[in-house]
Amino acid sequence: PEEMILMTNLRSLYFDYGKMKVLPENIFLLTNLQKISLTCNSLNSISKDIGSLTNLRKLDLSNNNLQSIPKEMSLLTNLRMLDLSFNNVRSIPKEITMMTNLQIYK
């Protein structure tokens, strides 16, 4: 919902088991988010705007229909856990493999 952008101090966001095919653009305005879980949706792609969420520490995109991920995800320098399991991702941009704080990658 549009009102979500008013939640500027929101730290965690869970949209599990939905039917989302695309992330709403207003999510990328919630720059204080630290955890996002979008498991078991129907996401086909992730916007390069994901790079604006620089406070993210955990990002769960498991069980979607992702085929690629944007290199802008490498801007998430605080990211500790990234779960891309059970998707159709064929290659990972080299920028992401250089993320030094990433501790768990699935």
C-alpha atoms as a PDB file:
ATOM      1  CA  PRO A   1       0.000   0.000   0.000  1.00  0.00           C
ATOM      2  CA  GLU A   2       1.051   3.568  -0.653  1.00  0.00           C
ATOM      3  CA  GLU A   3       0.894   4.375   3.078  1.00  0.00           C
ATOM      4  CA  MET A   4       3.854   2.074   3.592  1.00  0.00           C
ATOM      5  CA  ILE A   5       6.274   4.872   2.661  1.00  0.00           C
ATOM      6  CA  LEU A   6       5.211   6.659   5.850  1.00  0.00           C
ATOM      7  CA  MET A   7       6.816   3.868   7.880  1.00  0.00           C
ATOM      8  CA  THR A   8      10.271   5.395   7.658  1.00  0.00           C
ATOM      9  CA  ASN A   9      11.572   3.564  10.738  1.00  0.00           C
ATOM     10  CA  LEU A  10      10.439   0.127   9.575  1.00  0.00           C
ATOM     11  CA  ARG A  11      13.263  -2.382  10.103  1.00  0.00           C
ATOM     12  CA  SER A  12      11.720  -5.699   8.949  1.00  0.00           C
ATOM     13  CA  LEU A  13       9.358  -6.512   6.129  1.00  0.00           C
ATOM     14  CA  TYR A  14       7.830  -9.930   5.503  1.00  0.00           C
ATOM     15  CA  PHE A  15       5.795 -10.607   2.352  1.00  0.00           C
ATOM     16  CA  ASP A  16       6.079 -14.392   2.383  1.00  0.00           C
ATOM     17  CA  TYR A  17       3.669 -16.661   0.522  1.00  0.00           C
ATOM     18  CA  GLY A  18       2.118 -13.910  -1.552  1.00  0.00           C
ATOM     19  CA  LYS A  19       1.471 -13.724  -5.226  1.00  0.00           C
ATOM     20  CA  MET A  20       3.759 -10.804  -5.988  1.00  0.00           C
ATOM     21  CA  LYS A  21       5.316 -10.787  -9.425  1.00  0.00           C
ATOM     22  CA  VAL A  22       7.012  -7.413  -9.002  1.00  0.00           C
ATOM     23  CA  LEU A  23       8.141  -5.506  -5.932  1.00  0.00           C
ATOM     24  CA  PRO A  24       6.249  -2.259  -5.366  1.00  0.00           C
ATOM     25  CA  GLU A  25       8.533   0.710  -6.060  1.00  0.00           C
ATOM     26  CA  ASN A  26       7.738   2.314  -2.693  1.00  0.00           C
ATOM     27  CA  ILE A  27       9.647  -0.466  -0.905  1.00  0.00           C
ATOM     28  CA  PHE A  28      12.872   1.092  -2.177  1.00  0.00           C
ATOM     29  CA  LEU A  29      12.090   4.269  -0.219  1.00  0.00           C
ATOM     30  CA  LEU A  30      12.238   2.392   3.111  1.00  0.00           C
ATOM     31  CA  THR A  31      15.961   2.894   3.524  1.00  0.00           C
ATOM     32  CA  ASN A  32      16.052   1.828   7.197  1.00  0.00           C
ATOM     33  CA  LEU A  33      14.998  -1.725   6.370  1.00  0.00           C
ATOM     34  CA  GLN A  34      17.383  -4.342   7.722  1.00  0.00           C
ATOM     35  CA  LYS A  35      15.459  -7.523   6.858  1.00  0.00           C
ATOM     36  CA  ILE A  36      13.261  -8.376   3.911  1.00  0.00           C
ATOM     37  CA  SER A  37      11.687 -11.771   3.374  1.00  0.00           C
ATOM     38  CA  LEU A  38       9.908 -12.392   0.073  1.00  0.00           C
ATOM     39  CA  THR A  39       9.964 -16.157   0.036  1.00  0.00           C
ATOM     40  CA  CYS A  40       7.377 -18.153  -1.915  1.00  0.00           C
ATOM     41  CA  ASN A  41       6.122 -15.415  -4.215  1.00  0.00           C
ATOM     42  CA  SER A  42       6.160 -15.260  -8.012  1.00  0.00           C
ATOM     43  CA  LEU A  43       8.895 -12.664  -8.472  1.00  0.00           C
ATOM     44  CA  ASN A  44      10.399 -12.761 -11.962  1.00  0.00           C
ATOM     45  CA  SER A  45      12.965 -10.035 -11.404  1.00  0.00           C
ATOM     46  CA  ILE A  46      14.380  -7.630  -8.849  1.00  0.00           C
ATOM     47  CA  SER A  47      14.686  -3.952  -9.701  1.00  0.00           C
ATOM     48  CA  LYS A  48      18.152  -2.419  -9.740  1.00  0.00           C
ATOM     49  CA  ASP A  49      16.676   0.012  -7.176  1.00  0.00           C
ATOM     50  CA  ILE A  50      17.331  -2.701  -4.582  1.00  0.00           C
ATOM     51  CA  GLY A  51      20.750  -1.059  -4.282  1.00  0.00           C
ATOM     52  CA  SER A  52      19.164   1.870  -2.425  1.00  0.00           C
ATOM     53  CA  LEU A  53      18.454  -0.323   0.620  1.00  0.00           C
ATOM     54  CA  THR A  54      21.980  -0.039   1.975  1.00  0.00           C
ATOM     55  CA  ASN A  55      21.010  -0.943   5.566  1.00  0.00           C
ATOM     56  CA  LEU A  56      19.792  -4.412   4.595  1.00  0.00           C
ATOM     57  CA  ARG A  57      21.430  -7.238   6.498  1.00  0.00           C
ATOM     58  CA  LYS A  58      19.149 -10.105   5.474  1.00  0.00           C
ATOM     59  CA  LEU A  59      17.448 -10.617   2.119  1.00  0.00           C
ATOM     60  CA  ASP A  60      15.423 -13.783   1.505  1.00  0.00           C
ATOM     61  CA  LEU A  61      14.274 -14.218  -2.083  1.00  0.00           C
ATOM     62  CA  SER A  62      13.968 -17.994  -1.977  1.00  0.00           C
ATOM     63  CA  ASN A  63      11.238 -19.893  -3.811  1.00  0.00           C
ATOM     64  CA  ASN A  64      10.469 -17.382  -6.548  1.00  0.00           C
ATOM     65  CA  ASN A  65      10.911 -17.352 -10.322  1.00  0.00           C
ATOM     66  CA  LEU A  66      14.050 -15.229 -10.482  1.00  0.00           C
ATOM     67  CA  GLN A  67      16.297 -15.810 -13.470  1.00  0.00           C
ATOM     68  CA  SER A  68      18.807 -13.071 -12.780  1.00  0.00           C
ATOM     69  CA  ILE A  69      19.763 -10.592 -10.120  1.00  0.00           C
ATOM     70  CA  PRO A  70      20.967  -7.054 -10.735  1.00  0.00           C
ATOM     71  CA  LYS A  71      24.607  -6.146 -10.157  1.00  0.00           C
ATOM     72  CA  GLU A  72      23.298  -3.200  -8.100  1.00  0.00           C
ATOM     73  CA  MET A  73      22.642  -5.699  -5.329  1.00  0.00           C
ATOM     74  CA  SER A  74      26.371  -5.408  -4.641  1.00  0.00           C
ATOM     75  CA  LEU A  75      25.642  -1.924  -3.230  1.00  0.00           C
ATOM     76  CA  LEU A  76      24.134  -3.669  -0.204  1.00  0.00           C
ATOM     77  CA  THR A  77      27.424  -3.541   1.659  1.00  0.00           C
ATOM     78  CA  ASN A  78      25.848  -4.398   5.037  1.00  0.00           C
ATOM     79  CA  LEU A  79      24.195  -7.554   3.700  1.00  0.00           C
ATOM     80  CA  ARG A  80      25.094 -10.595   5.795  1.00  0.00           C
ATOM     81  CA  MET A  81      22.610 -13.175   4.441  1.00  0.00           C
ATOM     82  CA  LEU A  82      21.301 -13.605   0.907  1.00  0.00           C
ATOM     83  CA  ASP A  83      19.018 -16.519   0.047  1.00  0.00           C
ATOM     84  CA  LEU A  84      18.344 -17.128  -3.640  1.00  0.00           C
ATOM     85  CA  SER A  85      17.613 -20.845  -3.303  1.00  0.00           C
ATOM     86  CA  PHE A  86      14.863 -22.462  -5.346  1.00  0.00           C
ATOM     87  CA  ASN A  87      14.982 -19.924  -8.166  1.00  0.00           C
ATOM     88  CA  ASN A  88      16.188 -20.201 -11.739  1.00  0.00           C
ATOM     89  CA  VAL A  89      19.184 -17.878 -11.387  1.00  0.00           C
ATOM     90  CA  ARG A  90      21.688 -18.936 -14.010  1.00  0.00           C
ATOM     91  CA  SER A  91      24.558 -16.640 -13.141  1.00  0.00           C
ATOM     92  CA  ILE A  92      25.628 -14.333 -10.354  1.00  0.00           C
ATOM     93  CA  PRO A  93      27.190 -10.976 -11.238  1.00  0.00           C
ATOM     94  CA  LYS A  94      30.844 -10.926 -10.213  1.00  0.00           C
ATOM     95  CA  GLU A  95      30.213  -7.777  -8.157  1.00  0.00           C
ATOM     96  CA  ILE A  96      28.074  -9.823  -5.778  1.00  0.00           C
ATOM     97  CA  THR A  97      30.749 -12.440  -5.278  1.00  0.00           C
ATOM     98  CA  MET A  98      32.988  -9.668  -3.917  1.00  0.00           C
ATOM     99  CA  MET A  99      30.636  -8.591  -1.111  1.00  0.00           C
ATOM    100  CA  THR A 100      32.923  -8.849   1.915  1.00  0.00           C
ATOM    101  CA  ASN A 101      30.245  -8.810   4.649  1.00  0.00           C
ATOM    102  CA  LEU A 102      28.173 -11.579   3.104  1.00  0.00           C
ATOM    103  CA  GLN A 103      28.371 -14.527   5.487  1.00  0.00           C
ATOM    104  CA  ILE A 104      25.515 -16.764   4.334  1.00  0.00           C
ATOM    105  CA  TYR A 105      24.696 -17.246   0.692  1.00  0.00           C
ATOM    106  CA  LYS A 106      22.272 -19.859  -0.546  1.00  0.00           C
END
